[in-house]
Amino acid sequence: MLENSRFSLTLPELFRVLNGEQARTRLEQKAIDDAEWEKLIHEAMNGSLLKEASEKVVAWTEGLCDESSPGARTLRKVFANSRLEAAYCLKKALKALLMVTEGSHSASIRLPILSAKVTETLMR
């Protein structure tokens, strides 16, 4: 309809003009989102935090890719809203897991205390 009007545009062209990006199908957008999700996870795995991590922490991080690890769905929801926030949350989670598995604290640590210590160390 638009093509036969005085504007002579197709819907994908109109979308590109209005939004500054190419129109994508849901399948194409899902593929892009999945690639960015995996990139986020792989960047975290290649980061300095996991170089000396236990096998359990590495396995949990790897499980995020296929969303089989606990907390993966929550992180994926955060990722859908803000990739930067998801990267920040993943960094916090990894730092907390490393603190617990390294044994730098007593056998048990209350969650609010762990949260405060992780947040404090990340703010520096």
PDB file of N, CA and C in Angstrom:
ATOM      1  N   MET A   1       0.821  -1.187   0.000  1.00  0.00           N
ATOM      2  CA  MET A   1       0.000   0.000   0.000  1.00  0.00           C
ATOM      3  C   MET A   1       0.872   1.261   0.000  1.00  0.00           C
ATOM      4  N   LEU A   2       1.890   1.268   0.869  1.00  0.00           N
ATOM      5  CA  LEU A   2       2.785   2.422   0.908  1.00  0.00           C
ATOM      6  C   LEU A   2       3.576   2.574  -0.387  1.00  0.00           C
ATOM      7  N   GLU A   3       3.876   1.441  -0.992  1.00  0.00           N
ATOM      8  CA  GLU A   3       4.676   1.467  -2.211  1.00  0.00           C
ATOM      9  C   GLU A   3       3.927   2.168  -3.341  1.00  0.00           C
ATOM     10  N   ASN A   4       2.618   2.032  -3.365  1.00  0.00           N
ATOM     11  CA  ASN A   4       1.807   2.657  -4.415  1.00  0.00           C
ATOM     12  C   ASN A   4       1.401   4.086  -4.065  1.00  0.00           C
ATOM     13  N   SER A   5       1.743   4.541  -2.855  1.00  0.00           N
ATOM     14  CA  SER A   5       1.390   5.904  -2.453  1.00  0.00           C
ATOM     15  C   SER A   5       2.464   6.873  -2.932  1.00  0.00           C
ATOM     16  N   ARG A   6       2.294   8.099  -2.621  1.00  0.00           N
ATOM     17  CA  ARG A   6       3.270   9.108  -3.048  1.00  0.00           C
ATOM     18  C   ARG A   6       4.615   8.960  -2.330  1.00  0.00           C
ATOM     19  N   PHE A   7       4.648   8.167  -1.244  1.00  0.00           N
ATOM     20  CA  PHE A   7       5.892   7.974  -0.505  1.00  0.00           C
ATOM     21  C   PHE A   7       6.757   6.875  -1.120  1.00  0.00           C
ATOM     22  N   SER A   8       6.145   5.958  -1.800  1.00  0.00           N
ATOM     23  CA  SER A   8       6.796   4.803  -2.443  1.00  0.00           C
ATOM     24  C   SER A   8       7.802   4.103  -1.524  1.00  0.00           C
ATOM     25  N   LEU A   9       7.317   3.708  -0.358  1.00  0.00           N
ATOM     26  CA  LEU A   9       8.129   2.981   0.617  1.00  0.00           C
ATOM     27  C   LEU A   9       7.510   1.616   0.892  1.00  0.00           C
ATOM     28  N   THR A  10       8.363   0.664   1.201  1.00  0.00           N
ATOM     29  CA  THR A  10       7.874  -0.616   1.706  1.00  0.00           C
ATOM     30  C   THR A  10       7.880  -0.533   3.228  1.00  0.00           C
ATOM     31  N   LEU A  11       7.224  -1.471   3.898  1.00  0.00           N
ATOM     32  CA  LEU A  11       7.205  -1.450   5.360  1.00  0.00           C
ATOM     33  C   LEU A  11       8.603  -1.583   5.965  1.00  0.00           C
ATOM     34  N   PRO A  12       9.455  -2.486   5.467  1.00  0.00           N
ATOM     35  CA  PRO A  12      10.811  -2.544   6.027  1.00  0.00           C
ATOM     36  C   PRO A  12      11.585  -1.234   5.844  1.00  0.00           C
ATOM     37  N   GLU A  13      11.393  -0.574   4.709  1.00  0.00           N
ATOM     38  CA  GLU A  13      12.070   0.709   4.486  1.00  0.00           C
ATOM     39  C   GLU A  13      11.543   1.767   5.448  1.00  0.00           C
ATOM     40  N   LEU A  14      10.234   1.794   5.658  1.00  0.00           N
ATOM     41  CA  LEU A  14       9.639   2.748   6.591  1.00  0.00           C
ATOM     42  C   LEU A  14      10.151   2.502   8.006  1.00  0.00           C
ATOM     43  N   PHE A  15      10.223   1.242   8.409  1.00  0.00           N
ATOM     44  CA  PHE A  15      10.745   0.902   9.728  1.00  0.00           C
ATOM     45  C   PHE A  15      12.172   1.407   9.879  1.00  0.00           C
ATOM     46  N   ARG A  16      12.990   1.198   8.858  1.00  0.00           N
ATOM     47  CA  ARG A  16      14.389   1.645   8.898  1.00  0.00           C
ATOM     48  C   ARG A  16      14.466   3.165   9.011  1.00  0.00           C
ATOM     49  N   VAL A  17      13.608   3.869   8.299  1.00  0.00           N
ATOM     50  CA  VAL A  17      13.604   5.334   8.358  1.00  0.00           C
ATOM     51  C   VAL A  17      13.170   5.822   9.738  1.00  0.00           C
ATOM     52  N   LEU A  18      12.141   5.211  10.294  1.00  0.00           N
ATOM     53  CA  LEU A  18      11.613   5.645  11.587  1.00  0.00           C
ATOM     54  C   LEU A  18      12.497   5.250  12.768  1.00  0.00           C
ATOM     55  N   ASN A  19      13.074   4.054  12.721  1.00  0.00           N
ATOM     56  CA  ASN A  19      13.825   3.541  13.871  1.00  0.00           C
ATOM     57  C   ASN A  19      15.329   3.528  13.692  1.00  0.00           C
ATOM     58  N   GLY A  20      15.803   3.771  12.499  1.00  0.00           N
ATOM     59  CA  GLY A  20      17.239   3.791  12.269  1.00  0.00           C
ATOM     60  C   GLY A  20      17.891   2.427  12.248  1.00  0.00           C
ATOM     61  N   GLU A  21      17.086   1.390  12.159  1.00  0.00           N
ATOM     62  CA  GLU A  21      17.631   0.034  12.095  1.00  0.00           C
ATOM     63  C   GLU A  21      16.764  -0.818  11.191  1.00  0.00           C
ATOM     64  N   GLN A  22      17.334  -1.896  10.742  1.00  0.00           N
ATOM     65  CA  GLN A  22      16.637  -2.791   9.838  1.00  0.00           C
ATOM     66  C   GLN A  22      15.589  -3.610  10.585  1.00  0.00           C
ATOM     67  N   ALA A  23      14.453  -3.837   9.953  1.00  0.00           N
ATOM     68  CA  ALA A  23      13.417  -4.685  10.542  1.00  0.00           C
ATOM     69  C   ALA A  23      13.906  -6.126  10.542  1.00  0.00           C
ATOM     70  N   ARG A  24      13.610  -6.839  11.640  1.00  0.00           N
ATOM     71  CA  ARG A  24      14.015  -8.236  11.770  1.00  0.00           C
ATOM     72  C   ARG A  24      12.809  -9.080  12.145  1.00  0.00           C
ATOM     73  N   THR A  25      12.861 -10.334  11.764  1.00  0.00           N
ATOM     74  CA  THR A  25      11.828 -11.261  12.212  1.00  0.00           C
ATOM     75  C   THR A  25      12.120 -11.627  13.670  1.00  0.00           C
ATOM     76  N   ARG A  26      11.166 -12.229  14.330  1.00  0.00           N
ATOM     77  CA  ARG A  26      11.380 -12.650  15.724  1.00  0.00           C
ATOM     78  C   ARG A  26      12.513 -13.668  15.813  1.00  0.00           C
ATOM     79  N   LEU A  27      12.580 -14.544  14.820  1.00  0.00           N
ATOM     80  CA  LEU A  27      13.634 -15.554  14.809  1.00  0.00           C
ATOM     81  C   LEU A  27      15.011 -14.907  14.651  1.00  0.00           C
ATOM     82  N   GLU A  28      15.116 -13.920  13.781  1.00  0.00           N
ATOM     83  CA  GLU A  28      16.385 -13.206  13.603  1.00  0.00           C
ATOM     84  C   GLU A  28      16.772 -12.468  14.884  1.00  0.00           C
ATOM     85  N   GLN A  29      15.805 -11.814  15.520  1.00  0.00           N
ATOM     86  CA  GLN A  29      16.075 -11.081  16.751  1.00  0.00           C
ATOM     87  C   GLN A  29      16.479 -12.026  17.869  1.00  0.00           C
ATOM     88  N   LYS A  30      15.832 -13.192  17.940  1.00  0.00           N
ATOM     89  CA  LYS A  30      16.187 -14.181  18.957  1.00  0.00           C
ATOM     90  C   LYS A  30      17.612 -14.679  18.742  1.00  0.00           C
ATOM     91  N   ALA A  31      18.008 -14.892  17.506  1.00  0.00           N
ATOM     92  CA  ALA A  31      19.374 -15.339  17.214  1.00  0.00           C
ATOM     93  C   ALA A  31      20.392 -14.288  17.644  1.00  0.00           C
ATOM     94  N   ILE A  32      20.081 -13.026  17.397  1.00  0.00           N
ATOM     95  CA  ILE A  32      20.972 -11.931  17.808  1.00  0.00           C
ATOM     96  C   ILE A  32      21.056 -11.856  19.327  1.00  0.00           C
ATOM     97  N   ASP A  33      19.910 -11.945  19.998  1.00  0.00           N
ATOM     98  CA  ASP A  33      19.882 -11.902  21.463  1.00  0.00           C
ATOM     99  C   ASP A  33      20.655 -13.082  22.059  1.00  0.00           C
ATOM    100  N   ASP A  34      20.462 -14.275  21.490  1.00  0.00           N
ATOM    101  CA  ASP A  34      21.178 -15.457  21.989  1.00  0.00           C
ATOM    102  C   ASP A  34      22.683 -15.310  21.818  1.00  0.00           C
ATOM    103  N   ALA A  35      23.110 -14.747  20.696  1.00  0.00           N
ATOM    104  CA  ALA A  35      24.548 -14.538  20.461  1.00  0.00           C
ATOM    105  C   ALA A  35      25.117 -13.536  21.460  1.00  0.00           C
ATOM    106  N   GLU A  36      24.376 -12.471  21.747  1.00  0.00           N
ATOM    107  CA  GLU A  36      24.833 -11.481  22.730  1.00  0.00           C
ATOM    108  C   GLU A  36      24.848 -12.074  24.135  1.00  0.00           C
ATOM    109  N   TRP A  37      23.878 -12.936  24.456  1.00  0.00           N
ATOM    110  CA  TRP A  37      23.827 -13.622  25.752  1.00  0.00           C
ATOM    111  C   TRP A  37      25.062 -14.492  25.928  1.00  0.00           C
ATOM    112  N   GLU A  38      25.367 -15.290  24.909  1.00  0.00           N
ATOM    113  CA  GLU A  38      26.539 -16.161  24.988  1.00  0.00           C
ATOM    114  C   GLU A  38      27.828 -15.348  25.067  1.00  0.00           C
ATOM    115  N   LYS A  39      27.863 -14.230  24.375  1.00  0.00           N
ATOM    116  CA  LYS A  39      29.041 -13.354  24.434  1.00  0.00           C
ATOM    117  C   LYS A  39      29.236 -12.837  25.860  1.00  0.00           C
ATOM    118  N   LEU A  40      28.148 -12.445  26.513  1.00  0.00           N
ATOM    119  CA  LEU A  40      28.213 -11.972  27.899  1.00  0.00           C
ATOM    120  C   LEU A  40      28.794 -13.050  28.810  1.00  0.00           C
ATOM    121  N   ILE A  41      28.319 -14.271  28.649  1.00  0.00           N
ATOM    122  CA  ILE A  41      28.783 -15.379  29.486  1.00  0.00           C
ATOM    123  C   ILE A  41      30.254 -15.685  29.207  1.00  0.00           C
ATOM    124  N   HIS A  42      30.621 -15.736  27.937  1.00  0.00           N
ATOM    125  CA  HIS A  42      32.011 -16.053  27.583  1.00  0.00           C
ATOM    126  C   HIS A  42      32.977 -14.951  28.037  1.00  0.00           C
ATOM    127  N   GLU A  43      32.535 -13.712  27.977  1.00  0.00           N
ATOM    128  CA  GLU A  43      33.375 -12.620  28.486  1.00  0.00           C
ATOM    129  C   GLU A  43      33.595 -12.782  29.984  1.00  0.00           C
ATOM    130  N   ALA A  44      32.552 -13.186  30.695  1.00  0.00           N
ATOM    131  CA  ALA A  44      32.683 -13.401  32.142  1.00  0.00           C
ATOM    132  C   ALA A  44      33.616 -14.580  32.409  1.00  0.00           C
ATOM    133  N   MET A  45      33.521 -15.616  31.596  1.00  0.00           N
ATOM    134  CA  MET A  45      34.366 -16.794  31.793  1.00  0.00           C
ATOM    135  C   MET A  45      35.833 -16.493  31.473  1.00  0.00           C
ATOM    136  N   ASN A  46      36.061 -15.602  30.537  1.00  0.00           N
ATOM    137  CA  ASN A  46      37.433 -15.253  30.171  1.00  0.00           C
ATOM    138  C   ASN A  46      37.995 -14.123  31.023  1.00  0.00           C
ATOM    139  N   GLY A  47      37.154 -13.543  31.875  1.00  0.00           N
ATOM    140  CA  GLY A  47      37.585 -12.445  32.730  1.00  0.00           C
ATOM    141  C   GLY A  47      38.495 -12.909  33.848  1.00  0.00           C
ATOM    142  N   SER A  48      39.052 -11.955  34.508  1.00  0.00           N
ATOM    143  CA  SER A  48      40.013 -12.252  35.575  1.00  0.00           C
ATOM    144  C   SER A  48      39.371 -12.947  36.770  1.00  0.00           C
ATOM    145  N   LEU A  49      38.060 -12.819  36.944  1.00  0.00           N
ATOM    146  CA  LEU A  49      37.396 -13.426  38.096  1.00  0.00           C
ATOM    147  C   LEU A  49      37.476 -14.955  38.079  1.00  0.00           C
ATOM    148  N   LEU A  50      37.399 -15.566  36.913  1.00  0.00           N
ATOM    149  CA  LEU A  50      37.305 -17.025  36.845  1.00  0.00           C
ATOM    150  C   LEU A  50      38.631 -17.732  36.590  1.00  0.00           C
ATOM    151  N   LYS A  51      39.713 -17.008  36.544  1.00  0.00           N
ATOM    152  CA  LYS A  51      40.994 -17.652  36.234  1.00  0.00           C
ATOM    153  C   LYS A  51      41.385 -18.703  37.256  1.00  0.00           C
ATOM    154  N   GLU A  52      41.056 -18.481  38.516  1.00  0.00           N
ATOM    155  CA  GLU A  52      41.413 -19.440  39.560  1.00  0.00           C
ATOM    156  C   GLU A  52      40.177 -19.954  40.283  1.00  0.00           C
ATOM    157  N   ALA A  53      39.061 -20.000  39.574  1.00  0.00           N
ATOM    158  CA  ALA A  53      37.804 -20.416  40.191  1.00  0.00           C
ATOM    159  C   ALA A  53      37.718 -21.932  40.299  1.00  0.00           C
ATOM    160  N   SER A  54      36.885 -22.369  41.220  1.00  0.00           N
ATOM    161  CA  SER A  54      36.668 -23.808  41.380  1.00  0.00           C
ATOM    162  C   SER A  54      35.873 -24.340  40.194  1.00  0.00           C
ATOM    163  N   GLU A  55      35.907 -25.651  40.048  1.00  0.00           N
ATOM    164  CA  GLU A  55      35.186 -26.294  38.946  1.00  0.00           C
ATOM    165  C   GLU A  55      33.682 -26.042  39.047  1.00  0.00           C
ATOM    166  N   LYS A  56      33.156 -25.961  40.267  1.00  0.00           N
ATOM    167  CA  LYS A  56      31.720 -25.729  40.458  1.00  0.00           C
ATOM    168  C   LYS A  56      31.308 -24.352  39.939  1.00  0.00           C
ATOM    169  N   VAL A  57      32.130 -23.349  40.195  1.00  0.00           N
ATOM    170  CA  VAL A  57      31.810 -21.996  39.734  1.00  0.00           C
ATOM    171  C   VAL A  57      31.891 -21.940  38.210  1.00  0.00           C
ATOM    172  N   VAL A  58      32.899 -22.563  37.649  1.00  0.00           N
ATOM    173  CA  VAL A  58      33.045 -22.596  36.188  1.00  0.00           C
ATOM    174  C   VAL A  58      31.865 -23.342  35.565  1.00  0.00           C
ATOM    175  N   ALA A  59      31.479 -24.458  36.154  1.00  0.00           N
ATOM    176  CA  ALA A  59      30.345 -25.231  35.643  1.00  0.00           C
ATOM    177  C   ALA A  59      29.052 -24.428  35.719  1.00  0.00           C
ATOM    178  N   TRP A  60      28.865 -23.698  36.817  1.00  0.00           N
ATOM    179  CA  TRP A  60      27.668 -22.859  36.948  1.00  0.00           C
ATOM    180  C   TRP A  60      27.659 -21.799  35.857  1.00  0.00           C
ATOM    181  N   THR A  61      28.807 -21.183  35.631  1.00  0.00           N
ATOM    182  CA  THR A  61      28.888 -20.134  34.618  1.00  0.00           C
ATOM    183  C   THR A  61      28.626 -20.705  33.225  1.00  0.00           C
ATOM    184  N   GLU A  62      29.181 -21.869  32.938  1.00  0.00           N
ATOM    185  CA  GLU A  62      28.933 -22.511  31.642  1.00  0.00           C
ATOM    186  C   GLU A  62      27.457 -22.859  31.480  1.00  0.00           C
ATOM    187  N   GLY A  63      26.815 -23.254  32.565  1.00  0.00           N
ATOM    188  CA  GLY A  63      25.399 -23.602  32.523  1.00  0.00           C
ATOM    189  C   GLY A  63      24.488 -22.424  32.245  1.00  0.00           C
ATOM    190  N   LEU A  64      25.005 -21.222  32.396  1.00  0.00           N
ATOM    191  CA  LEU A  64      24.195 -20.048  32.085  1.00  0.00           C
ATOM    192  C   LEU A  64      23.876 -19.971  30.589  1.00  0.00           C
ATOM    193  N   CYS A  65      24.784 -20.439  29.756  1.00  0.00           N
ATOM    194  CA  CYS A  65      24.581 -20.366  28.303  1.00  0.00           C
ATOM    195  C   CYS A  65      23.301 -21.080  27.882  1.00  0.00           C
ATOM    196  N   ASP A  66      23.109 -22.299  28.384  1.00  0.00           N
ATOM    197  CA  ASP A  66      21.896 -23.031  28.016  1.00  0.00           C
ATOM    198  C   ASP A  66      20.797 -22.886  29.069  1.00  0.00           C
ATOM    199  N   GLU A  67      21.013 -21.979  29.999  1.00  0.00           N
ATOM    200  CA  GLU A  67      20.056 -21.638  31.052  1.00  0.00           C
ATOM    201  C   GLU A  67      19.713 -22.829  31.938  1.00  0.00           C
ATOM    202  N   SER A  68      20.697 -23.695  32.183  1.00  0.00           N
ATOM    203  CA  SER A  68      20.482 -24.845  33.064  1.00  0.00           C
ATOM    204  C   SER A  68      20.954 -24.572  34.494  1.00  0.00           C
ATOM    205  N   SER A  69      21.683 -23.499  34.706  1.00  0.00           N
ATOM    206  CA  SER A  69      22.168 -23.158  36.044  1.00  0.00           C
ATOM    207  C   SER A  69      21.097 -22.406  36.828  1.00  0.00           C
ATOM    208  N   PRO A  70      21.074 -22.617  38.150  1.00  0.00           N
ATOM    209  CA  PRO A  70      20.137 -21.852  38.973  1.00  0.00           C
ATOM    210  C   PRO A  70      20.394 -20.354  38.819  1.00  0.00           C
ATOM    211  N   GLY A  71      19.328 -19.601  38.675  1.00  0.00           N
ATOM    212  CA  GLY A  71      19.446 -18.154  38.527  1.00  0.00           C
ATOM    213  C   GLY A  71      19.581 -17.689  37.092  1.00  0.00           C
ATOM    214  N   ALA A  72      19.709 -18.609  36.162  1.00  0.00           N
ATOM    215  CA  ALA A  72      19.912 -18.227  34.758  1.00  0.00           C
ATOM    216  C   ALA A  72      18.688 -17.508  34.190  1.00  0.00           C
ATOM    217  N   ARG A  73      17.500 -17.985  34.525  1.00  0.00           N
ATOM    218  CA  ARG A  73      16.289 -17.334  33.999  1.00  0.00           C
ATOM    219  C   ARG A  73      16.161 -15.911  34.521  1.00  0.00           C
ATOM    220  N   THR A  74      16.489 -15.715  35.782  1.00  0.00           N
ATOM    221  CA  THR A  74      16.424 -14.367  36.357  1.00  0.00           C
ATOM    222  C   THR A  74      17.420 -13.449  35.670  1.00  0.00           C
ATOM    223  N   LEU A  75      18.644 -13.938  35.493  1.00  0.00           N
ATOM    224  CA  LEU A  75      19.660 -13.132  34.820  1.00  0.00           C
ATOM    225  C   LEU A  75      19.258 -12.859  33.378  1.00  0.00           C
ATOM    226  N   ARG A  76      18.628 -13.817  32.722  1.00  0.00           N
ATOM    227  CA  ARG A  76      18.194 -13.624  31.333  1.00  0.00           C
ATOM    228  C   ARG A  76      17.118 -12.549  31.251  1.00  0.00           C
ATOM    229  N   LYS A  77      16.247 -12.479  32.260  1.00  0.00           N
ATOM    230  CA  LYS A  77      15.221 -11.423  32.299  1.00  0.00           C
ATOM    231  C   LYS A  77      15.870 -10.050  32.461  1.00  0.00           C
ATOM    232  N   VAL A  78      16.871  -9.982  33.315  1.00  0.00           N
ATOM    233  CA  VAL A  78      17.603  -8.723  33.482  1.00  0.00           C
ATOM    234  C   VAL A  78      18.283  -8.357  32.169  1.00  0.00           C
ATOM    235  N   PHE A  79      18.861  -9.353  31.511  1.00  0.00           N
ATOM    236  CA  PHE A  79      19.541  -9.164  30.229  1.00  0.00           C
ATOM    237  C   PHE A  79      18.583  -8.615  29.174  1.00  0.00           C
ATOM    238  N   ALA A  80      17.354  -9.099  29.173  1.00  0.00           N
ATOM    239  CA  ALA A  80      16.363  -8.636  28.195  1.00  0.00           C
ATOM    240  C   ALA A  80      16.064  -7.152  28.372  1.00  0.00           C
ATOM    241  N   ASN A  81      16.132  -6.674  29.610  1.00  0.00           N
ATOM    242  CA  ASN A  81      15.863  -5.260  29.878  1.00  0.00           C
ATOM    243  C   ASN A  81      17.088  -4.376  29.726  1.00  0.00           C
ATOM    244  N   SER A  82      18.248  -4.875  30.153  1.00  0.00           N
ATOM    245  CA  SER A  82      19.476  -4.077  30.107  1.00  0.00           C
ATOM    246  C   SER A  82      20.692  -4.989  30.105  1.00  0.00           C
ATOM    247  N   ARG A  83      21.424  -4.961  29.021  1.00  0.00           N
ATOM    248  CA  ARG A  83      22.615  -5.799  28.928  1.00  0.00           C
ATOM    249  C   ARG A  83      23.693  -5.352  29.913  1.00  0.00           C
ATOM    250  N   LEU A  84      23.793  -4.061  30.143  1.00  0.00           N
ATOM    251  CA  LEU A  84      24.787  -3.554  31.094  1.00  0.00           C
ATOM    252  C   LEU A  84      24.465  -3.998  32.516  1.00  0.00           C
ATOM    253  N   GLU A  85      23.211  -3.934  32.872  1.00  0.00           N
ATOM    254  CA  GLU A  85      22.790  -4.366  34.207  1.00  0.00           C
ATOM    255  C   GLU A  85      23.031  -5.858  34.379  1.00  0.00           C
ATOM    256  N   ALA A  86      22.775  -6.639  33.337  1.00  0.00           N
ATOM    257  CA  ALA A  86      23.019  -8.080  33.412  1.00  0.00           C
ATOM    258  C   ALA A  86      24.507  -8.374  33.596  1.00  0.00           C
ATOM    259  N   ALA A  87      25.351  -7.645  32.905  1.00  0.00           N
ATOM    260  CA  ALA A  87      26.798  -7.838  33.060  1.00  0.00           C
ATOM    261  C   ALA A  87      27.226  -7.503  34.477  1.00  0.00           C
ATOM    262  N   TYR A  88      26.675  -6.439  35.029  1.00  0.00           N
ATOM    263  CA  TYR A  88      26.988  -6.037  36.393  1.00  0.00           C
ATOM    264  C   TYR A  88      26.510  -7.086  37.396  1.00  0.00           C
ATOM    265  N   CYS A  89      25.286  -7.589  37.207  1.00  0.00           N
ATOM    266  CA  CYS A  89      24.738  -8.612  38.105  1.00  0.00           C
ATOM    267  C   CYS A  89      25.547  -9.903  38.018  1.00  0.00           C
ATOM    268  N   LEU A  90      25.960 -10.271  36.819  1.00  0.00           N
ATOM    269  CA  LEU A  90      26.765 -11.486  36.665  1.00  0.00           C
ATOM    270  C   LEU A  90      28.102 -11.325  37.372  1.00  0.00           C
ATOM    271  N   LYS A  91      28.687 -10.154  37.271  1.00  0.00           N
ATOM    272  CA  LYS A  91      29.956  -9.902  37.953  1.00  0.00           C
ATOM    273  C   LYS A  91      29.786 -10.018  39.466  1.00  0.00           C
ATOM    274  N   LYS A  92      28.682  -9.477  39.987  1.00  0.00           N
ATOM    275  CA  LYS A  92      28.406  -9.575  41.427  1.00  0.00           C
ATOM    276  C   LYS A  92      28.215 -11.029  41.846  1.00  0.00           C
ATOM    277  N   ALA A  93      27.445 -11.770  41.062  1.00  0.00           N
ATOM    278  CA  ALA A  93      27.176 -13.166  41.400  1.00  0.00           C
ATOM    279  C   ALA A  93      28.461 -13.989  41.399  1.00  0.00           C
ATOM    280  N   LEU A  94      29.297 -13.786  40.391  1.00  0.00           N
ATOM    281  CA  LEU A  94      30.556 -14.521  40.328  1.00  0.00           C
ATOM    282  C   LEU A  94      31.464 -14.165  41.490  1.00  0.00           C
ATOM    283  N   LYS A  95      31.504 -12.901  41.835  1.00  0.00           N
ATOM    284  CA  LYS A  95      32.334 -12.471  42.965  1.00  0.00           C
ATOM    285  C   LYS A  95      31.846 -13.132  44.253  1.00  0.00           C
ATOM    286  N   ALA A  96      30.536 -13.186  44.444  1.00  0.00           N
ATOM    287  CA  ALA A  96      29.983 -13.821  45.645  1.00  0.00           C
ATOM    288  C   ALA A  96      30.299 -15.313  45.663  1.00  0.00           C
ATOM    289  N   LEU A  97      30.115 -15.978  44.536  1.00  0.00           N
ATOM    290  CA  LEU A  97      30.421 -17.407  44.463  1.00  0.00           C
ATOM    291  C   LEU A  97      31.894 -17.677  44.742  1.00  0.00           C
ATOM    292  N   LEU A  98      32.756 -16.834  44.218  1.00  0.00           N
ATOM    293  CA  LEU A  98      34.187 -17.010  44.449  1.00  0.00           C
ATOM    294  C   LEU A  98      34.543 -16.788  45.913  1.00  0.00           C
ATOM    295  N   MET A  99      33.907 -15.810  46.540  1.00  0.00           N
ATOM    296  CA  MET A  99      34.175 -15.559  47.959  1.00  0.00           C
ATOM    297  C   MET A  99      33.763 -16.753  48.804  1.00  0.00           C
ATOM    298  N   VAL A 100      32.641 -17.349  48.472  1.00  0.00           N
ATOM    299  CA  VAL A 100      32.140 -18.487  49.243  1.00  0.00           C
ATOM    300  C   VAL A 100      32.994 -19.728  48.981  1.00  0.00           C
ATOM    301  N   THR A 101      33.329 -19.992  47.725  1.00  0.00           N
ATOM    302  CA  THR A 101      34.069 -21.220  47.410  1.00  0.00           C
ATOM    303  C   THR A 101      35.546 -21.133  47.767  1.00  0.00           C
ATOM    304  N   GLU A 102      36.100 -19.930  47.821  1.00  0.00           N
ATOM    305  CA  GLU A 102      37.509 -19.786  48.193  1.00  0.00           C
ATOM    306  C   GLU A 102      37.733 -20.052  49.672  1.00  0.00           C
ATOM    307  N   GLY A 103      36.669 -20.002  50.450  1.00  0.00           N
ATOM    308  CA  GLY A 103      36.808 -20.224  51.880  1.00  0.00           C
ATOM    309  C   GLY A 103      37.393 -19.023  52.587  1.00  0.00           C
ATOM    310  N   SER A 104      37.251 -17.840  51.983  1.00  0.00           N
ATOM    311  CA  SER A 104      37.780 -16.639  52.620  1.00  0.00           C
ATOM    312  C   SER A 104      36.908 -16.206  53.793  1.00  0.00           C
ATOM    313  N   HIS A 105      35.823 -16.924  53.996  1.00  0.00           N
ATOM    314  CA  HIS A 105      34.927 -16.640  55.121  1.00  0.00           C
ATOM    315  C   HIS A 105      34.726 -17.922  55.902  1.00  0.00           C
ATOM    316  N   SER A 106      34.146 -17.788  57.056  1.00  0.00           N
ATOM    317  CA  SER A 106      33.870 -18.971  57.860  1.00  0.00           C
ATOM    318  C   SER A 106      32.924 -19.908  57.106  1.00  0.00           C
ATOM    319  N   ALA A 107      32.708 -21.067  57.670  1.00  0.00           N
ATOM    320  CA  ALA A 107      31.896 -22.083  56.998  1.00  0.00           C
ATOM    321  C   ALA A 107      30.517 -21.572  56.603  1.00  0.00           C
ATOM    322  N   SER A 108      29.936 -20.731  57.411  1.00  0.00           N
ATOM    323  CA  SER A 108      28.631 -20.186  57.049  1.00  0.00           C
ATOM    324  C   SER A 108      28.702 -18.664  57.124  1.00  0.00           C
ATOM    325  N   ILE A 109      28.034 -18.050  56.208  1.00  0.00           N
ATOM    326  CA  ILE A 109      27.988 -16.592  56.174  1.00  0.00           C
ATOM    327  C   ILE A 109      26.558 -16.188  55.831  1.00  0.00           C
ATOM    328  N   ARG A 110      26.055 -15.232  56.546  1.00  0.00           N
ATOM    329  CA  ARG A 110      24.694 -14.766  56.302  1.00  0.00           C
ATOM    330  C   ARG A 110      24.650 -14.022  54.975  1.00  0.00           C
ATOM    331  N   LEU A 111      23.570 -14.207  54.259  1.00  0.00           N
ATOM    332  CA  LEU A 111      23.428 -13.616  52.934  1.00  0.00           C
ATOM    333  C   LEU A 111      23.572 -12.091  52.931  1.00  0.00           C
ATOM    334  N   PRO A 112      22.983 -11.363  53.874  1.00  0.00           N
ATOM    335  CA  PRO A 112      23.157  -9.906  53.858  1.00  0.00           C
ATOM    336  C   PRO A 112      24.623  -9.481  54.031  1.00  0.00           C
ATOM    337  N   ILE A 113      25.363 -10.236  54.821  1.00  0.00           N
ATOM    338  CA  ILE A 113      26.783  -9.914  55.024  1.00  0.00           C
ATOM    339  C   ILE A 113      27.565 -10.195  53.754  1.00  0.00           C
ATOM    340  N   LEU A 114      27.288 -11.337  53.125  1.00  0.00           N
ATOM    341  CA  LEU A 114      27.949 -11.663  51.860  1.00  0.00           C
ATOM    342  C   LEU A 114      27.631 -10.603  50.810  1.00  0.00           C
ATOM    343  N   SER A 115      26.377 -10.213  50.733  1.00  0.00           N
ATOM    344  CA  SER A 115      25.960  -9.203  49.770  1.00  0.00           C
ATOM    345  C   SER A 115      26.692  -7.886  50.002  1.00  0.00           C
ATOM    346  N   ALA A 116      26.790  -7.478  51.257  1.00  0.00           N
ATOM    347  CA  ALA A 116      27.488  -6.224  51.573  1.00  0.00           C
ATOM    348  C   ALA A 116      28.961  -6.307  51.197  1.00  0.00           C
ATOM    349  N   LYS A 117      29.586  -7.442  51.480  1.00  0.00           N
ATOM    350  CA  LYS A 117      31.014  -7.586  51.156  1.00  0.00           C
ATOM    351  C   LYS A 117      31.245  -7.587  49.654  1.00  0.00           C
ATOM    352  N   VAL A 118      30.386  -8.266  48.904  1.00  0.00           N
ATOM    353  CA  VAL A 118      30.532  -8.314  47.446  1.00  0.00           C
ATOM    354  C   VAL A 118      30.311  -6.933  46.848  1.00  0.00           C
ATOM    355  N   THR A 119      29.267  -6.262  47.305  1.00  0.00           N
ATOM    356  CA  THR A 119      28.960  -4.929  46.785  1.00  0.00           C
ATOM    357  C   THR A 119      30.086  -3.964  47.136  1.00  0.00           C
ATOM    358  N   GLU A 120      30.611  -4.074  48.326  1.00  0.00           N
ATOM    359  CA  GLU A 120      31.712  -3.200  48.759  1.00  0.00           C
ATOM    360  C   GLU A 120      32.954  -3.410  47.902  1.00  0.00           C
ATOM    361  N   THR A 121      33.288  -4.662  47.631  1.00  0.00           N
ATOM    362  CA  THR A 121      34.493  -4.930  46.849  1.00  0.00           C
ATOM    363  C   THR A 121      34.321  -4.536  45.384  1.00  0.00           C
ATOM    364  N   LEU A 122      33.095  -4.576  44.887  1.00  0.00           N
ATOM    365  CA  LEU A 122      32.872  -4.183  43.502  1.00  0.00           C
ATOM    366  C   LEU A 122      32.849  -2.667  43.323  1.00  0.00           C
ATOM    367  N   MET A 123      32.523  -1.948  44.381  1.00  0.00           N
ATOM    368  CA  MET A 123      32.471  -0.496  44.288  1.00  0.00           C
ATOM    369  C   MET A 123      33.860   0.121  44.242  1.00  0.00           C
ATOM    370  N   ARG A 124      34.842  -0.586  44.714  1.00  0.00           N
ATOM    371  CA  ARG A 124      36.209  -0.037  44.750  1.00  0.00           C
ATOM    372  C   ARG A 124      36.823   0.021  43.401  1.00  0.00           C
TER     373      ARG A 124
END
